[in-house]
C-alpha atoms as a PDB file:
ATOM      1  CA  MET A   1       0.154   0.055   0.322  1.00  0.00           C
ATOM      2  CA  LEU A   2       2.763   2.465   1.220  1.00  0.00           C
ATOM      3  CA  ASN A   3       4.309   1.685  -2.546  1.00  0.00           C
ATOM      4  CA  LYS A   4       1.417   2.530  -4.451  1.00  0.00           C
ATOM      5  CA  ILE A   5       0.881   5.351  -2.579  1.00  0.00           C
ATOM      6  CA  ASN A   6       4.687   6.526  -2.527  1.00  0.00           C
ATOM      7  CA  LYS A   7       3.906   5.991  -7.174  1.00  0.00           C
ATOM      8  CA  PHE A   8       0.767   8.506  -6.788  1.00  0.00           C
ATOM      9  CA  PHE A   9       2.235  11.161  -5.103  1.00  0.00           C
ATOM     10  CA  ASN A  10       5.280  10.441  -7.969  1.00  0.00           C
ATOM     11  CA  VAL A  11       2.850  10.225 -10.682  1.00  0.00           C
ATOM     12  CA  VAL A  12       0.935  14.226  -9.241  1.00  0.00           C
ATOM     13  CA  LEU A  13       4.329  15.241  -8.943  1.00  0.00           C
ATOM     14  CA  TRP A  14       5.804  15.253 -12.152  1.00  0.00           C
ATOM     15  CA  ILE A  15       2.506  16.263 -13.536  1.00  0.00           C
ATOM     16  CA  LEU A  16       2.780  19.405 -10.734  1.00  0.00           C
ATOM     17  CA  ILE A  17       5.522  20.432 -10.078  1.00  0.00           C
ATOM     18  CA  PRO A  18       6.026  21.349 -14.882  1.00  0.00           C
ATOM     19  CA  TYR A  19       2.771  23.202 -14.333  1.00  0.00           C
ATOM     20  CA  ALA A  20       3.450  25.241 -12.184  1.00  0.00           C
ATOM     21  CA  VAL A  21       6.639  25.609 -13.614  1.00  0.00           C
ATOM     22  CA  VAL A  22       5.390  26.235 -17.228  1.00  0.00           C
ATOM     23  CA  SER A  23       2.231  28.490 -16.033  1.00  0.00           C
ATOM     24  CA  LEU A  24       5.223  30.958 -13.583  1.00  0.00           C
ATOM     25  CA  SER A  25       7.323  31.077 -17.910  1.00  0.00           C
ATOM     26  CA  TYR A  26       4.461  32.125 -19.355  1.00  0.00           C
ATOM     27  CA  ARG A  27       3.270  34.369 -16.956  1.00  0.00           C
ATOM     28  CA  HIS A  28       6.270  36.142 -16.514  1.00  0.00           C
ATOM     29  CA  LEU A  29       9.133  35.178 -18.923  1.00  0.00           C
ATOM     30  CA  GLY A  30       6.153  35.448 -22.382  1.00  0.00           C
ATOM     31  CA  PRO A  31       5.194  32.024 -24.702  1.00  0.00           C
ATOM     32  CA  SER A  32       8.874  31.307 -26.476  1.00  0.00           C
ATOM     33  CA  TYR A  33      10.200  30.274 -22.211  1.00  0.00           C
ATOM     34  CA  ALA A  34       6.869  28.708 -21.497  1.00  0.00           C
ATOM     35  CA  LEU A  35       7.691  26.977 -24.817  1.00  0.00           C
ATOM     36  CA  GLY A  36      10.885  25.663 -24.405  1.00  0.00           C
ATOM     37  CA  PHE A  37      10.694  24.649 -20.376  1.00  0.00           C
ATOM     38  CA  MET A  38       7.350  21.998 -21.698  1.00  0.00           C
ATOM     39  CA  ILE A  39       9.868  20.842 -24.488  1.00  0.00           C
ATOM     40  CA  LEU A  40      12.777  20.468 -22.114  1.00  0.00           C
ATOM     41  CA  VAL A  41       9.328  18.737 -19.950  1.00  0.00           C
ATOM     42  CA  CYS A  42       8.739  15.946 -22.822  1.00  0.00           C
ATOM     43  CA  MET A  43      12.168  14.933 -23.309  1.00  0.00           C
ATOM     44  CA  ALA A  44      12.178  15.301 -19.490  1.00  0.00           C
ATOM     45  CA  LEU A  45       9.573  12.591 -19.295  1.00  0.00           C
ATOM     46  CA  LEU A  46      10.921  10.625 -22.459  1.00  0.00           C
ATOM     47  CA  VAL A  47      13.806   9.809 -20.692  1.00  0.00           C
ATOM     48  CA  ALA A  48      12.313   8.715 -16.997  1.00  0.00           C
ATOM     49  CA  PHE A  49       9.708   6.494 -18.916  1.00  0.00           C
ATOM     50  CA  LYS A  50      11.463   5.242 -22.167  1.00  0.00           C
ATOM     51  CA  SER A  51      11.250   1.977 -20.304  1.00  0.00           C
ATOM     52  CA  GLN A  52       7.694   1.893 -19.674  1.00  0.00           C
ATOM     53  CA  ILE A  53       7.487   3.574 -23.062  1.00  0.00           C
ATOM     54  CA  TYR A  54       9.121   0.893 -25.101  1.00  0.00           C
ATOM     55  CA  THR A  55       7.357  -1.805 -23.100  1.00  0.00           C
ATOM     56  CA  ILE A  56       3.716  -0.707 -23.942  1.00  0.00           C
ATOM     57  CA  ILE A  57       5.126   0.099 -28.062  1.00  0.00           C
ATOM     58  CA  GLY A  58       6.048  -3.696 -27.460  1.00  0.00           C
ATOM     59  CA  ARG A  59       3.119  -5.355 -25.915  1.00  0.00           C
ATOM     60  CA  ARG A  60       0.628  -3.458 -28.515  1.00  0.00           C
ATOM     61  CA  LYS A  61       3.173  -4.113 -31.432  1.00  0.00           C
ATOM     62  CA  TYR A  62       3.643  -8.148 -30.695  1.00  0.00           C
ATOM     63  CA  PHE A  63       0.057  -8.891 -31.279  1.00  0.00           C
ATOM     64  CA  LYS A  64       0.131  -7.921 -35.063  1.00  0.00           C
ATOM     65  CA  ASN A  65       3.858  -8.219 -35.754  1.00  0.00           C
ATOM     66  CA  HIS A  66       6.119 -10.849 -33.702  1.00  0.00           C
ATOM     67  CA  ASP A  67       9.355  -9.609 -34.329  1.00  0.00           C
ATOM     68  CA  GLU A  68       8.364  -6.054 -34.028  1.00  0.00           C
ATOM     69  CA  GLY A  69       6.803  -5.844 -30.721  1.00  0.00           C
ATOM     70  CA  PHE A  70      10.515  -8.417 -29.701  1.00  0.00           C
ATOM     71  CA  LYS A  71      12.412  -5.461 -31.195  1.00  0.00           C
ATOM     72  CA  TRP A  72      11.323  -2.995 -28.962  1.00  0.00           C
ATOM     73  CA  LEU A  73      10.222  -5.521 -25.376  1.00  0.00           C
ATOM     74  CA  GLN A  74      14.716  -5.437 -26.279  1.00  0.00           C
ATOM     75  CA  LYS A  75      15.449  -1.494 -26.143  1.00  0.00           C
ATOM     76  CA  ALA A  76      12.943  -1.579 -22.965  1.00  0.00           C
ATOM     77  CA  TYR A  77      15.007  -4.435 -21.355  1.00  0.00           C
ATOM     78  CA  ASP A  78      18.215  -2.430 -22.722  1.00  0.00           C
ATOM     79  CA  THR A  79      17.364   0.754 -21.130  1.00  0.00           C
ATOM     80  CA  GLY A  80      18.060  -1.428 -17.825  1.00  0.00           C
ATOM     81  CA  LYS A  81      15.168   0.255 -16.494  1.00  0.00           C
ATOM     82  CA  MET A  82      12.496  -2.457 -17.170  1.00  0.00           C
ATOM     83  CA  LYS A  83      10.649  -3.176 -14.804  1.00  0.00           C
ATOM     84  CA  ALA A  84      11.861  -7.145 -13.104  1.00  0.00           C
ATOM     85  CA  GLN A  85       7.993  -7.930 -13.128  1.00  0.00           C
ATOM     86  CA  GLN A  86       7.342  -7.075 -17.249  1.00  0.00           C
ATOM     87  CA  SER A  87      10.756  -8.796 -17.904  1.00  0.00           C
ATOM     88  CA  LEU A  88       9.106 -11.805 -16.410  1.00  0.00           C
ATOM     89  CA  VAL A  89       6.069 -11.487 -19.631  1.00  0.00           C
ATOM     90  CA  TYR A  90       9.123 -10.447 -22.176  1.00  0.00           C
ATOM     91  CA  ALA A  91      10.585 -13.730 -21.469  1.00  0.00           C
ATOM     92  CA  TYR A  92       7.161 -15.657 -21.214  1.00  0.00           C
ATOM     93  CA  LEU A  93       6.502 -14.090 -24.799  1.00  0.00           C
ATOM     94  CA  LEU A  94       9.779 -15.212 -26.243  1.00  0.00           C
ATOM     95  CA  ILE A  95       9.447 -18.859 -24.827  1.00  0.00           C
ATOM     96  CA  ARG A  96       5.390 -19.235 -26.518  1.00  0.00           C
ATOM     97  CA  ASP A  97       7.542 -18.055 -29.299  1.00  0.00           C
ATOM     98  CA  GLY A  98      10.792 -20.455 -29.488  1.00  0.00           C
ATOM     99  CA  HIS A  99      13.687 -18.657 -27.921  1.00  0.00           C
ATOM    100  CA  ILE A 100      13.994 -20.586 -25.879  1.00  0.00           C
ATOM    101  CA  GLY A 101      17.805 -19.212 -24.665  1.00  0.00           C
ATOM    102  CA  LYS A 102      17.257 -16.407 -24.570  1.00  0.00           C
ATOM    103  CA  ALA A 103      13.840 -16.143 -22.541  1.00  0.00           C
ATOM    104  CA  GLU A 104      15.854 -18.482 -20.500  1.00  0.00           C
ATOM    105  CA  ARG A 105      19.005 -16.394 -20.180  1.00  0.00           C
ATOM    106  CA  LEU A 106      16.995 -13.432 -19.542  1.00  0.00           C
ATOM    107  CA  ILE A 107      15.242 -15.380 -16.501  1.00  0.00           C
ATOM    108  CA  THR A 108      18.205 -16.087 -14.889  1.00  0.00           C
ATOM    109  CA  SER A 109      19.293 -12.232 -14.945  1.00  0.00           C
ATOM    110  CA  ILE A 110      16.303 -10.780 -13.265  1.00  0.00           C
ATOM    111  CA  ILE A 111      16.279 -13.540 -11.015  1.00  0.00           C
ATOM    112  CA  ARG A 112      19.856 -12.555  -9.598  1.00  0.00           C
ATOM    113  CA  GLN A 113      20.101  -8.432 -10.502  1.00  0.00           C
ATOM    114  CA  LYS A 114      16.404  -8.156  -9.302  1.00  0.00           C
ATOM    115  CA  LYS A 115      14.948 -10.199  -7.562  1.00  0.00           C
ATOM    116  CA  ASP A 116      14.246  -7.940  -4.529  1.00  0.00           C
ATOM    117  CA  GLN A 117      12.112  -6.467  -7.078  1.00  0.00           C
ATOM    118  CA  LEU A 118       9.644  -9.054  -7.156  1.00  0.00           C
ATOM    119  CA  THR A 119       6.798 -10.716  -5.162  1.00  0.00           C
ATOM    120  CA  LYS A 120       6.554 -14.606  -4.298  1.00  0.00           C
ATOM    121  CA  GLN A 121       4.072 -15.029  -6.491  1.00  0.00           C
ATOM    122  CA  ASN A 122       7.008 -13.396  -9.639  1.00  0.00           C
ATOM    123  CA  LEU A 123       9.162 -15.941  -8.347  1.00  0.00           C
ATOM    124  CA  LEU A 124       6.457 -18.992  -8.586  1.00  0.00           C
ATOM    125  CA  ALA A 125       5.886 -17.679 -11.946  1.00  0.00           C
ATOM    126  CA  ALA A 126       9.351 -17.506 -12.914  1.00  0.00           C
ATOM    127  CA  ASP A 127       9.734 -21.361 -12.314  1.00  0.00           C
ATOM    128  CA  LEU A 128       6.671 -21.835 -13.757  1.00  0.00           C
ATOM    129  CA  ASN A 129       8.393 -20.726 -17.003  1.00  0.00           C
ATOM    130  CA  MET A 130      11.285 -22.584 -16.190  1.00  0.00           C
ATOM    131  CA  ALA A 131       9.113 -25.976 -16.288  1.00  0.00           C
ATOM    132  CA  ILE A 132       8.528 -25.202 -19.696  1.00  0.00           C
ATOM    133  CA  ILE A 133      12.075 -23.964 -20.583  1.00  0.00           C
ATOM    134  CA  LEU A 134      13.057 -27.745 -18.942  1.00  0.00           C
ATOM    135  CA  TRP A 135      10.454 -29.338 -21.342  1.00  0.00           C
ATOM    136  CA  LYS A 136      11.353 -28.136 -24.592  1.00  0.00           C
ATOM    137  CA  LYS A 137      14.828 -29.504 -23.538  1.00  0.00           C
ATOM    138  CA  ASN A 138      13.573 -32.330 -23.664  1.00  0.00           C
ATOM    139  CA  ASP A 139      13.778 -32.410 -19.857  1.00  0.00           C
ATOM    140  CA  LEU A 140      11.032 -33.910 -18.463  1.00  0.00           C
ATOM    141  CA  PRO A 141      11.655 -35.446 -15.505  1.00  0.00           C
ATOM    142  CA  GLY A 142      13.126 -31.569 -14.693  1.00  0.00           C
ATOM    143  CA  ALA A 143      10.096 -29.943 -15.917  1.00  0.00           C
ATOM    144  CA  ILE A 144       7.743 -32.278 -13.648  1.00  0.00           C
ATOM    145  CA  GLU A 145       9.921 -31.664 -10.589  1.00  0.00           C
ATOM    146  CA  LYS A 146      10.083 -27.510 -10.786  1.00  0.00           C
ATOM    147  CA  MET A 147       6.393 -27.528 -11.532  1.00  0.00           C
ATOM    148  CA  GLU A 148       5.783 -30.249  -8.231  1.00  0.00           C
ATOM    149  CA  TYR A 149       8.017 -28.012  -6.273  1.00  0.00           C
ATOM    150  CA  VAL A 150       6.055 -24.420  -7.050  1.00  0.00           C
ATOM    151  CA  TYR A 151       3.099 -26.603  -6.034  1.00  0.00           C
ATOM    152  CA  SER A 152       4.186 -27.214  -2.463  1.00  0.00           C
ATOM    153  CA  THR A 153       4.511 -24.042  -2.254  1.00  0.00           C
ATOM    154  CA  GLY A 154       0.630 -23.469  -1.744  1.00  0.00           C
ATOM    155  CA  TYR A 155       0.824 -21.997  -5.083  1.00  0.00           C
ATOM    156  CA  ARG A 156      -2.165 -22.481  -7.173  1.00  0.00           C
ATOM    157  CA  SER A 157      -3.477 -20.958 -11.152  1.00  0.00           C
ATOM    158  CA  THR A 158      -4.910 -22.142 -13.874  1.00  0.00           C
ATOM    159  CA  VAL A 159      -1.930 -22.252 -15.956  1.00  0.00           C
ATOM    160  CA  HIS A 160       0.173 -24.048 -13.672  1.00  0.00           C
ATOM    161  CA  TYR A 161      -3.014 -26.748 -13.716  1.00  0.00           C
ATOM    162  CA  GLY A 162      -2.845 -26.977 -17.144  1.00  0.00           C
ATOM    163  CA  THR A 163       0.812 -27.140 -17.573  1.00  0.00           C
ATOM    164  CA  LEU A 164       1.666 -29.823 -15.088  1.00  0.00           C
ATOM    165  CA  GLY A 165      -2.260 -32.013 -15.957  1.00  0.00           C
ATOM    166  CA  VAL A 166       0.351 -32.126 -19.919  1.00  0.00           C
ATOM    167  CA  PHE A 167       3.653 -32.805 -18.337  1.00  0.00           C
ATOM    168  CA  TYR A 168       1.751 -36.166 -16.099  1.00  0.00           C
ATOM    169  CA  ILE A 169      -0.038 -37.096 -19.247  1.00  0.00           C
ATOM    170  CA  LEU A 170       3.472 -36.191 -21.460  1.00  0.00           C
ATOM    171  CA  LYS A 171       5.303 -38.831 -18.898  1.00  0.00           C
ATOM    172  CA  ASP A 172       2.134 -41.744 -19.340  1.00  0.00           C
ATOM    173  CA  ASP A 173       1.280 -41.491 -15.161  1.00  0.00           C
ATOM    174  CA  LEU A 174      -2.485 -41.715 -16.107  1.00  0.00           C
ATOM    175  CA  ASP A 175      -2.789 -41.802 -12.298  1.00  0.00           C
ATOM    176  CA  ARG A 176      -1.298 -39.525 -10.859  1.00  0.00           C
ATOM    177  CA  ALA A 177      -2.665 -37.085 -14.077  1.00  0.00           C
ATOM    178  CA  LEU A 178      -6.164 -38.319 -12.810  1.00  0.00           C
ATOM    179  CA  GLU A 179      -6.155 -37.410 -10.257  1.00  0.00           C
ATOM    180  CA  PHE A 180      -4.383 -33.798 -10.652  1.00  0.00           C
ATOM    181  CA  CYS A 181      -6.683 -33.386 -14.020  1.00  0.00           C
ATOM    182  CA  LEU A 182      -9.911 -33.893 -11.472  1.00  0.00           C
ATOM    183  CA  GLU A 183      -8.483 -31.270  -8.937  1.00  0.00           C
ATOM    184  CA  ALA A 184      -7.389 -28.479 -11.368  1.00  0.00           C
ATOM    185  CA  TYR A 185     -11.129 -28.960 -13.212  1.00  0.00           C
ATOM    186  CA  GLU A 186     -12.732 -28.336  -9.505  1.00  0.00           C
ATOM    187  CA  TYR A 187     -10.258 -25.639  -9.395  1.00  0.00           C
ATOM    188  CA  ASN A 188     -11.407 -24.253 -13.796  1.00  0.00           C
ATOM    189  CA  ARG A 189     -14.139 -25.528 -14.755  1.00  0.00           C
ATOM    190  CA  SER A 190     -14.071 -22.969 -17.302  1.00  0.00           C
ATOM    191  CA  ASP A 191     -10.586 -22.726 -18.826  1.00  0.00           C
ATOM    192  CA  ALA A 192     -10.376 -25.555 -22.504  1.00  0.00           C
ATOM    193  CA  SER A 193      -6.646 -26.500 -21.344  1.00  0.00           C
ATOM    194  CA  ILE A 194      -7.750 -27.823 -18.037  1.00  0.00           C
ATOM    195  CA  ALA A 195     -10.921 -29.361 -19.374  1.00  0.00           C
ATOM    196  CA  ASP A 196      -8.629 -30.529 -22.505  1.00  0.00           C
ATOM    197  CA  ASN A 197      -6.864 -32.770 -19.893  1.00  0.00           C
ATOM    198  CA  LEU A 198      -9.669 -33.996 -18.290  1.00  0.00           C
ATOM    199  CA  GLY A 199     -11.164 -35.454 -20.846  1.00  0.00           C
ATOM    200  CA  LEU A 200      -7.455 -36.390 -22.388  1.00  0.00           C
ATOM    201  CA  VAL A 201      -6.592 -38.027 -19.506  1.00  0.00           C
ATOM    202  CA  TYR A 202     -10.235 -40.087 -19.286  1.00  0.00           C
ATOM    203  CA  PHE A 203      -9.162 -40.792 -23.362  1.00  0.00           C
ATOM    204  CA  LYS A 204      -6.111 -42.356 -22.142  1.00  0.00           C
ATOM    205  CA  ARG A 205      -7.656 -44.064 -19.947  1.00  0.00           C
ATOM    206  CA  GLY A 206     -10.263 -45.797 -22.433  1.00  0.00           C
ATOM    207  CA  ASP A 207     -13.200 -43.731 -20.315  1.00  0.00           C
ATOM    208  CA  ILE A 208     -14.686 -43.295 -23.657  1.00  0.00           C
ATOM    209  CA  GLU A 209     -18.201 -41.779 -22.404  1.00  0.00           C
ATOM    210  CA  LYS A 210     -16.888 -39.456 -19.327  1.00  0.00           C
ATOM    211  CA  ALA A 211     -13.516 -38.141 -22.384  1.00  0.00           C
ATOM    212  CA  GLU A 212     -17.018 -37.111 -24.649  1.00  0.00           C
ATOM    213  CA  GLN A 213     -19.215 -36.705 -21.752  1.00  0.00           C
ATOM    214  CA  ILE A 214     -15.814 -33.453 -21.014  1.00  0.00           C
ATOM    215  CA  TYR A 215     -15.540 -32.734 -24.579  1.00  0.00           C
ATOM    216  CA  ALA A 216     -19.181 -31.842 -25.050  1.00  0.00           C
ATOM    217  CA  GLU A 217     -19.204 -30.289 -22.056  1.00  0.00           C
ATOM    218  CA  LEU A 218     -16.222 -27.847 -23.061  1.00  0.00           C
ATOM    219  CA  PHE A 219     -17.682 -27.394 -26.510  1.00  0.00           C
ATOM    220  CA  GLU A 220     -20.745 -26.256 -25.842  1.00  0.00           C
ATOM    221  CA  LEU A 221     -19.393 -23.432 -23.080  1.00  0.00           C
ATOM    222  CA  SER A 222     -16.341 -22.583 -25.444  1.00  0.00           C
ATOM    223  CA  SER A 223     -14.745 -22.627 -29.457  1.00  0.00           C
ATOM    224  CA  PRO A 224     -10.907 -23.429 -27.672  1.00  0.00           C
ATOM    225  CA  GLU A 225      -8.224 -21.529 -29.917  1.00  0.00           C
ATOM    226  CA  PHE A 226      -5.813 -24.358 -29.117  1.00  0.00           C
ATOM    227  CA  ILE A 227      -5.357 -27.068 -32.261  1.00  0.00           C
ATOM    228  CA  GLU A 228      -4.966 -30.179 -29.218  1.00  0.00           C
ATOM    229  CA  ALA A 229      -8.790 -29.476 -28.375  1.00  0.00           C
ATOM    230  CA  TYR A 230     -10.699 -30.122 -31.823  1.00  0.00           C
ATOM    231  CA  TYR A 231      -7.508 -33.207 -32.177  1.00  0.00           C
ATOM    232  CA  ASN A 232      -8.046 -34.866 -28.726  1.00  0.00           C
ATOM    233  CA  TYR A 233     -12.308 -34.815 -30.058  1.00  0.00           C
ATOM    234  CA  GLY A 234     -12.029 -35.844 -32.658  1.00  0.00           C
ATOM    235  CA  GLN A 235      -9.683 -39.199 -31.151  1.00  0.00           C
ATOM    236  CA  VAL A 236     -12.635 -39.684 -28.935  1.00  0.00           C
ATOM    237  CA  LEU A 237     -15.344 -39.700 -32.151  1.00  0.00           C
ATOM    238  CA  GLU A 238     -13.411 -41.789 -33.827  1.00  0.00           C
ATOM    239  CA  ALA A 239     -13.062 -44.550 -31.382  1.00  0.00           C
ATOM    240  CA  LYS A 240     -17.119 -44.220 -30.655  1.00  0.00           C
ATOM    241  CA  GLY A 241     -17.032 -44.904 -34.057  1.00  0.00           C
ATOM    242  CA  ASP A 242     -18.473 -41.876 -35.303  1.00  0.00           C
ATOM    243  CA  TYR A 243     -15.745 -41.373 -38.137  1.00  0.00           C
ATOM    244  CA  GLU A 244     -18.076 -39.061 -39.599  1.00  0.00           C
ATOM    245  CA  GLY A 245     -17.852 -36.270 -36.736  1.00  0.00           C
ATOM    246  CA  ALA A 246     -14.021 -36.896 -35.701  1.00  0.00           C
ATOM    247  CA  VAL A 247     -13.620 -35.342 -39.768  1.00  0.00           C
ATOM    248  CA  ASP A 248     -15.526 -32.841 -38.682  1.00  0.00           C
ATOM    249  CA  TYR A 249     -13.355 -31.893 -35.851  1.00  0.00           C
ATOM    250  CA  TYR A 250     -10.318 -32.878 -36.790  1.00  0.00           C
ATOM    251  CA  GLN A 251     -10.712 -30.534 -39.671  1.00  0.00           C
ATOM    252  CA  ARG A 252     -11.771 -27.648 -37.297  1.00  0.00           C
ATOM    253  CA  ALA A 253      -8.397 -28.626 -36.106  1.00  0.00           C
ATOM    254  CA  LEU A 254      -6.311 -27.678 -39.463  1.00  0.00           C
ATOM    255  CA  GLY A 255      -8.043 -24.290 -38.951  1.00  0.00           C
ATOM    256  CA  CYS A 256      -5.793 -23.987 -35.514  1.00  0.00           C
ATOM    257  CA  PRO A 257      -1.836 -22.937 -35.612  1.00  0.00           C
ATOM    258  CA  GLU A 258       0.381 -24.607 -34.532  1.00  0.00           C
ATOM    259  CA  LYS A 259       2.218 -23.039 -32.361  1.00  0.00           C
ATOM    260  CA  TYR A 260       5.823 -23.756 -30.255  1.00  0.00           C
ATOM    261  CA  LEU A 261       4.284 -24.725 -27.472  1.00  0.00           C
ATOM    262  CA  SER A 262       1.096 -27.338 -29.067  1.00  0.00           C
ATOM    263  CA  THR A 263       2.045 -31.100 -28.133  1.00  0.00           C
ATOM    264  CA  VAL A 264      -0.360 -32.232 -31.486  1.00  0.00           C
ATOM    265  CA  LYS A 265       1.365 -31.485 -34.307  1.00  0.00           C
ATOM    266  CA  LEU A 266      -1.386 -30.444 -37.790  1.00  0.00           C
ATOM    267  CA  ALA A 267       0.590 -33.312 -39.147  1.00  0.00           C
ATOM    268  CA  GLN A 268      -1.203 -36.160 -36.991  1.00  0.00           C
ATOM    269  CA  VAL A 269      -3.950 -34.393 -37.924  1.00  0.00           C
ATOM    270  CA  GLU A 270      -3.626 -35.025 -41.814  1.00  0.00           C
ATOM    271  CA  ALA A 271      -2.963 -37.960 -40.374  1.00  0.00           C
ATOM    272  CA  ALA A 272      -5.898 -39.545 -38.718  1.00  0.00           C
ATOM    273  CA  LEU A 273      -8.117 -37.431 -40.531  1.00  0.00           C
ATOM    274  CA  PHE A 274      -6.421 -39.727 -43.960  1.00  0.00           C
ATOM    275  CA  GLY A 275      -8.012 -42.462 -41.449  1.00  0.00           C
ATOM    276  CA  ALA A 276     -11.247 -40.968 -40.165  1.00  0.00           C
ATOM    277  CA  GLU A 277     -12.134 -40.728 -44.368  1.00  0.00           C
ATOM    278  CA  HIS A 278     -11.610 -43.785 -45.536  1.00  0.00           C
ATOM    279  CA  TYR A 279     -13.955 -45.302 -43.300  1.00  0.00           C
ATOM    280  CA  LEU A 280     -16.812 -42.709 -44.485  1.00  0.00           C
ATOM    281  CA  LYS A 281     -15.691 -44.128 -48.531  1.00  0.00           C
END
């Protein structure tokens, strides 16, 4: 609370003091001096808040053009004044796009140099990101160990539940996966990733009826934007002998982009679609 009050007063001072000086300059020295001082104030603000400005530009550009967004975020980081929390967001975006090495170096540097700026939640979120990096570096046991450590601290989040659920499934530890995914579903049953994990676990355990129920509810409530949900439901429908329905969901899956963190590739979907269509001929 005290930090928020201090930040508020700092912002007020940045506004009131320049306003007072400009007003006095205009009143006693004329418009030319006032204009000159305004220019100086703007330049000072640009220098003082350059990192924040670059970060805002970078975040906005990222969703239109990832490379362009990364250029601005790197500029913000290079100022040396990028806030630790914003730097972690930058690192996560790098992970999403497959820049694992750079993301790992960035997170390590942030924790080493700016740990005092991070809350406990920030540090645990950083561990979560490092777990994803370990997974992509083919160290699934290490990734699970780090995620389980985060869980042991009492940290709970939709992203954590969704990610560790995927890791248990990839490990083929279906007993632990079911237990964990049921807990995750209780935590947030409206999240598509969590629902997809639970449906997939039921499918892999051979409980097709429960898997179909989970997926039917998922697609009734939302339209997921990731390839796994459509492909996995297609697998469930195909297991039930509903090849027409499977073809429909495989085709929908092909309409989703294949991302770096995707656990299902478009080539898998194309192969499944080819097989399902064969049964309809």
